[in-house]
N, C-alpha and C. Protein backbone atom coordinates (compact mmCIF):
# COMPACT_ATOMS: atom_id res chain seq x y z
N UNK A 1 98.98 116.89 109.13
CA UNK A 1 99.45 116.53 107.80
C UNK A 1 100.01 115.10 107.79
N UNK A 2 100.86 114.75 108.78
CA UNK A 2 101.43 113.42 108.84
C UNK A 2 100.35 112.36 108.99
N UNK A 3 99.32 112.68 109.76
CA UNK A 3 98.24 111.73 109.96
C UNK A 3 97.48 111.49 108.65
N UNK A 4 97.31 112.53 107.87
CA UNK A 4 96.63 112.40 106.58
C UNK A 4 97.45 111.52 105.62
N UNK A 5 98.78 111.70 105.60
CA UNK A 5 99.64 110.86 104.77
C UNK A 5 99.61 109.41 105.24
N UNK A 6 99.61 109.21 106.55
CA UNK A 6 99.57 107.86 107.08
C UNK A 6 98.25 107.19 106.72
N UNK A 7 97.15 107.91 106.79
CA UNK A 7 95.85 107.36 106.44
C UNK A 7 95.80 106.99 104.97
N UNK A 8 96.36 107.83 104.10
CA UNK A 8 96.40 107.52 102.68
C UNK A 8 97.17 106.24 102.42
N UNK A 9 98.30 106.05 103.09
CA UNK A 9 99.08 104.83 102.95
C UNK A 9 98.31 103.61 103.43
N UNK A 10 97.57 103.77 104.50
CA UNK A 10 96.75 102.68 105.03
C UNK A 10 95.64 102.33 104.05
N UNK A 11 95.01 103.32 103.46
CA UNK A 11 93.96 103.08 102.47
C UNK A 11 94.51 102.33 101.26
N UNK A 12 95.69 102.75 100.81
CA UNK A 12 96.31 102.06 99.66
C UNK A 12 96.61 100.61 100.00
N UNK A 13 97.11 100.38 101.18
CA UNK A 13 97.43 99.02 101.61
C UNK A 13 96.15 98.18 101.69
N UNK A 14 95.09 98.73 102.25
CA UNK A 14 93.82 98.01 102.34
C UNK A 14 93.28 97.69 100.95
N UNK A 15 93.39 98.63 100.03
CA UNK A 15 92.92 98.38 98.65
C UNK A 15 93.73 97.27 97.98
N UNK A 16 95.02 97.23 98.24
CA UNK A 16 95.86 96.19 97.65
C UNK A 16 95.49 94.81 98.18
N UNK A 17 95.27 94.70 99.49
CA UNK A 17 94.86 93.42 100.07
C UNK A 17 93.49 93.02 99.55
N UNK A 18 92.62 94.00 99.41
CA UNK A 18 91.28 93.73 98.88
C UNK A 18 91.37 93.22 97.44
N UNK A 19 92.20 93.83 96.63
CA UNK A 19 92.38 93.38 95.25
C UNK A 19 92.96 91.97 95.21
N UNK A 20 93.90 91.67 96.11
CA UNK A 20 94.49 90.34 96.15
C UNK A 20 93.44 89.28 96.49
N UNK A 21 92.64 89.54 97.49
CA UNK A 21 91.63 88.56 97.88
C UNK A 21 90.54 88.43 96.80
N UNK A 22 90.26 89.50 96.07
CA UNK A 22 89.30 89.40 94.97
C UNK A 22 89.86 88.55 93.83
N UNK A 23 91.17 88.67 93.58
CA UNK A 23 91.80 87.80 92.57
C UNK A 23 91.74 86.35 93.00
N UNK A 24 91.96 86.11 94.28
CA UNK A 24 91.88 84.75 94.82
C UNK A 24 90.45 84.21 94.67
N UNK A 25 89.47 85.04 94.96
CA UNK A 25 88.08 84.62 94.83
C UNK A 25 87.76 84.28 93.38
N UNK A 26 88.23 85.09 92.45
CA UNK A 26 88.01 84.83 91.03
C UNK A 26 88.69 83.53 90.61
N UNK A 27 89.86 83.26 91.17
CA UNK A 27 90.58 82.02 90.86
C UNK A 27 89.76 80.81 91.33
N UNK A 28 89.23 80.89 92.55
CA UNK A 28 88.41 79.79 93.05
C UNK A 28 87.15 79.61 92.23
N UNK A 29 86.55 80.70 91.80
CA UNK A 29 85.35 80.60 90.95
C UNK A 29 85.70 79.94 89.62
N UNK A 30 86.86 80.28 89.07
CA UNK A 30 87.30 79.65 87.82
C UNK A 30 87.55 78.16 88.01
N UNK A 31 88.21 77.80 89.13
CA UNK A 31 88.41 76.38 89.42
C UNK A 31 87.09 75.64 89.53
N UNK A 32 86.14 76.27 90.19
CA UNK A 32 84.83 75.64 90.36
C UNK A 32 84.11 75.48 89.02
N UNK A 33 84.07 76.55 88.25
CA UNK A 33 83.36 76.52 86.96
C UNK A 33 83.95 75.49 86.01
N UNK A 34 85.27 75.36 86.02
CA UNK A 34 85.92 74.45 85.09
C UNK A 34 85.97 73.01 85.62
N UNK A 35 85.76 72.84 86.91
CA UNK A 35 85.85 71.52 87.51
C UNK A 35 87.27 71.11 87.85
N UNK A 36 88.24 71.99 87.59
CA UNK A 36 89.65 71.68 87.86
C UNK A 36 89.95 71.54 89.35
N UNK A 37 89.06 72.04 90.19
CA UNK A 37 89.30 71.96 91.63
C UNK A 37 89.46 70.51 92.07
N UNK A 38 88.85 69.58 91.35
CA UNK A 38 88.92 68.16 91.72
C UNK A 38 90.36 67.62 91.62
N UNK A 39 91.19 68.26 90.78
CA UNK A 39 92.59 67.83 90.65
C UNK A 39 93.42 68.22 91.88
N UNK A 40 93.02 69.28 92.57
CA UNK A 40 93.85 69.85 93.62
C UNK A 40 93.28 69.73 95.03
N UNK A 41 91.96 69.55 95.15
CA UNK A 41 91.31 69.57 96.46
C UNK A 41 90.34 68.40 96.62
N UNK A 42 90.14 68.02 97.85
CA UNK A 42 88.99 67.20 98.18
C UNK A 42 87.83 68.16 98.33
N UNK A 43 86.62 67.69 98.15
CA UNK A 43 85.45 68.58 98.13
C UNK A 43 85.35 69.42 99.40
N UNK A 44 85.46 68.80 100.57
CA UNK A 44 85.32 69.55 101.82
C UNK A 44 86.41 70.61 101.96
N UNK A 45 87.64 70.28 101.58
CA UNK A 45 88.73 71.25 101.66
C UNK A 45 88.50 72.43 100.72
N UNK A 46 88.02 72.14 99.52
CA UNK A 46 87.75 73.20 98.56
C UNK A 46 86.66 74.13 99.07
N UNK A 47 85.58 73.55 99.59
CA UNK A 47 84.49 74.38 100.11
C UNK A 47 84.95 75.23 101.29
N UNK A 48 85.80 74.65 102.13
CA UNK A 48 86.34 75.42 103.26
C UNK A 48 87.18 76.59 102.76
N UNK A 49 88.02 76.36 101.77
CA UNK A 49 88.85 77.44 101.21
C UNK A 49 87.99 78.52 100.55
N UNK A 50 86.95 78.10 99.85
CA UNK A 50 86.06 79.08 99.21
C UNK A 50 85.36 79.94 100.26
N UNK A 51 84.87 79.31 101.33
CA UNK A 51 84.20 80.06 102.39
C UNK A 51 85.15 81.05 103.05
N UNK A 52 86.36 80.60 103.32
CA UNK A 52 87.35 81.48 103.95
C UNK A 52 87.71 82.65 103.04
N UNK A 53 87.84 82.38 101.76
CA UNK A 53 88.15 83.44 100.80
C UNK A 53 87.01 84.45 100.73
N UNK A 54 85.78 83.97 100.75
CA UNK A 54 84.62 84.86 100.74
C UNK A 54 84.57 85.70 102.01
N UNK A 55 84.87 85.07 103.15
CA UNK A 55 84.88 85.80 104.42
C UNK A 55 85.95 86.89 104.41
N UNK A 56 87.14 86.56 103.90
CA UNK A 56 88.21 87.56 103.82
C UNK A 56 87.83 88.69 102.86
N UNK A 57 87.21 88.35 101.76
CA UNK A 57 86.80 89.38 100.80
C UNK A 57 85.80 90.34 101.43
N UNK A 58 84.83 89.78 102.14
CA UNK A 58 83.84 90.63 102.80
C UNK A 58 84.48 91.52 103.86
N UNK A 59 85.44 90.96 104.59
CA UNK A 59 86.13 91.75 105.63
C UNK A 59 86.92 92.89 105.01
N UNK A 60 87.67 92.62 103.93
CA UNK A 60 88.46 93.68 103.29
C UNK A 60 87.55 94.70 102.62
N UNK A 61 86.41 94.27 102.13
CA UNK A 61 85.45 95.22 101.56
C UNK A 61 84.98 96.19 102.64
N UNK A 62 84.69 95.67 103.83
CA UNK A 62 84.28 96.55 104.94
C UNK A 62 85.41 97.50 105.33
N UNK A 63 86.65 97.01 105.34
CA UNK A 63 87.79 97.87 105.70
C UNK A 63 87.95 98.98 104.67
N UNK A 64 87.92 98.62 103.38
CA UNK A 64 88.10 99.62 102.32
C UNK A 64 86.95 100.64 102.34
N UNK A 65 85.74 100.18 102.49
CA UNK A 65 84.60 101.10 102.52
C UNK A 65 84.62 101.96 103.78
N UNK A 66 85.06 101.41 104.88
CA UNK A 66 85.18 102.17 106.11
C UNK A 66 86.28 103.20 106.03
N UNK A 67 87.38 102.85 105.39
CA UNK A 67 88.50 103.77 105.24
C UNK A 67 88.13 104.92 104.31
N UNK A 68 87.31 104.65 103.31
CA UNK A 68 86.90 105.69 102.37
C UNK A 68 85.97 106.70 103.03
N UNK A 69 85.19 106.23 104.02
CA UNK A 69 84.22 107.11 104.68
C UNK A 69 84.89 108.09 105.62
N UNK A 70 86.13 107.81 106.07
CA UNK A 70 86.81 108.67 107.04
C UNK A 70 87.30 109.92 106.43
């Protein structure tokens, strides 16, 4: 029983981190679409941040989907 409760808490935590990184990804997409990224980033830095955000999103997606399968 305790293990089941602990797993549920872990799943909730993973979903929250996944939602956070998805909001971050949407923010970067909005910056890109509007062109506002030029006010805050140099091009290479912006692209690096976008790639890292995408990598984190993919990783959390795998964690959430893996946790759901258990």
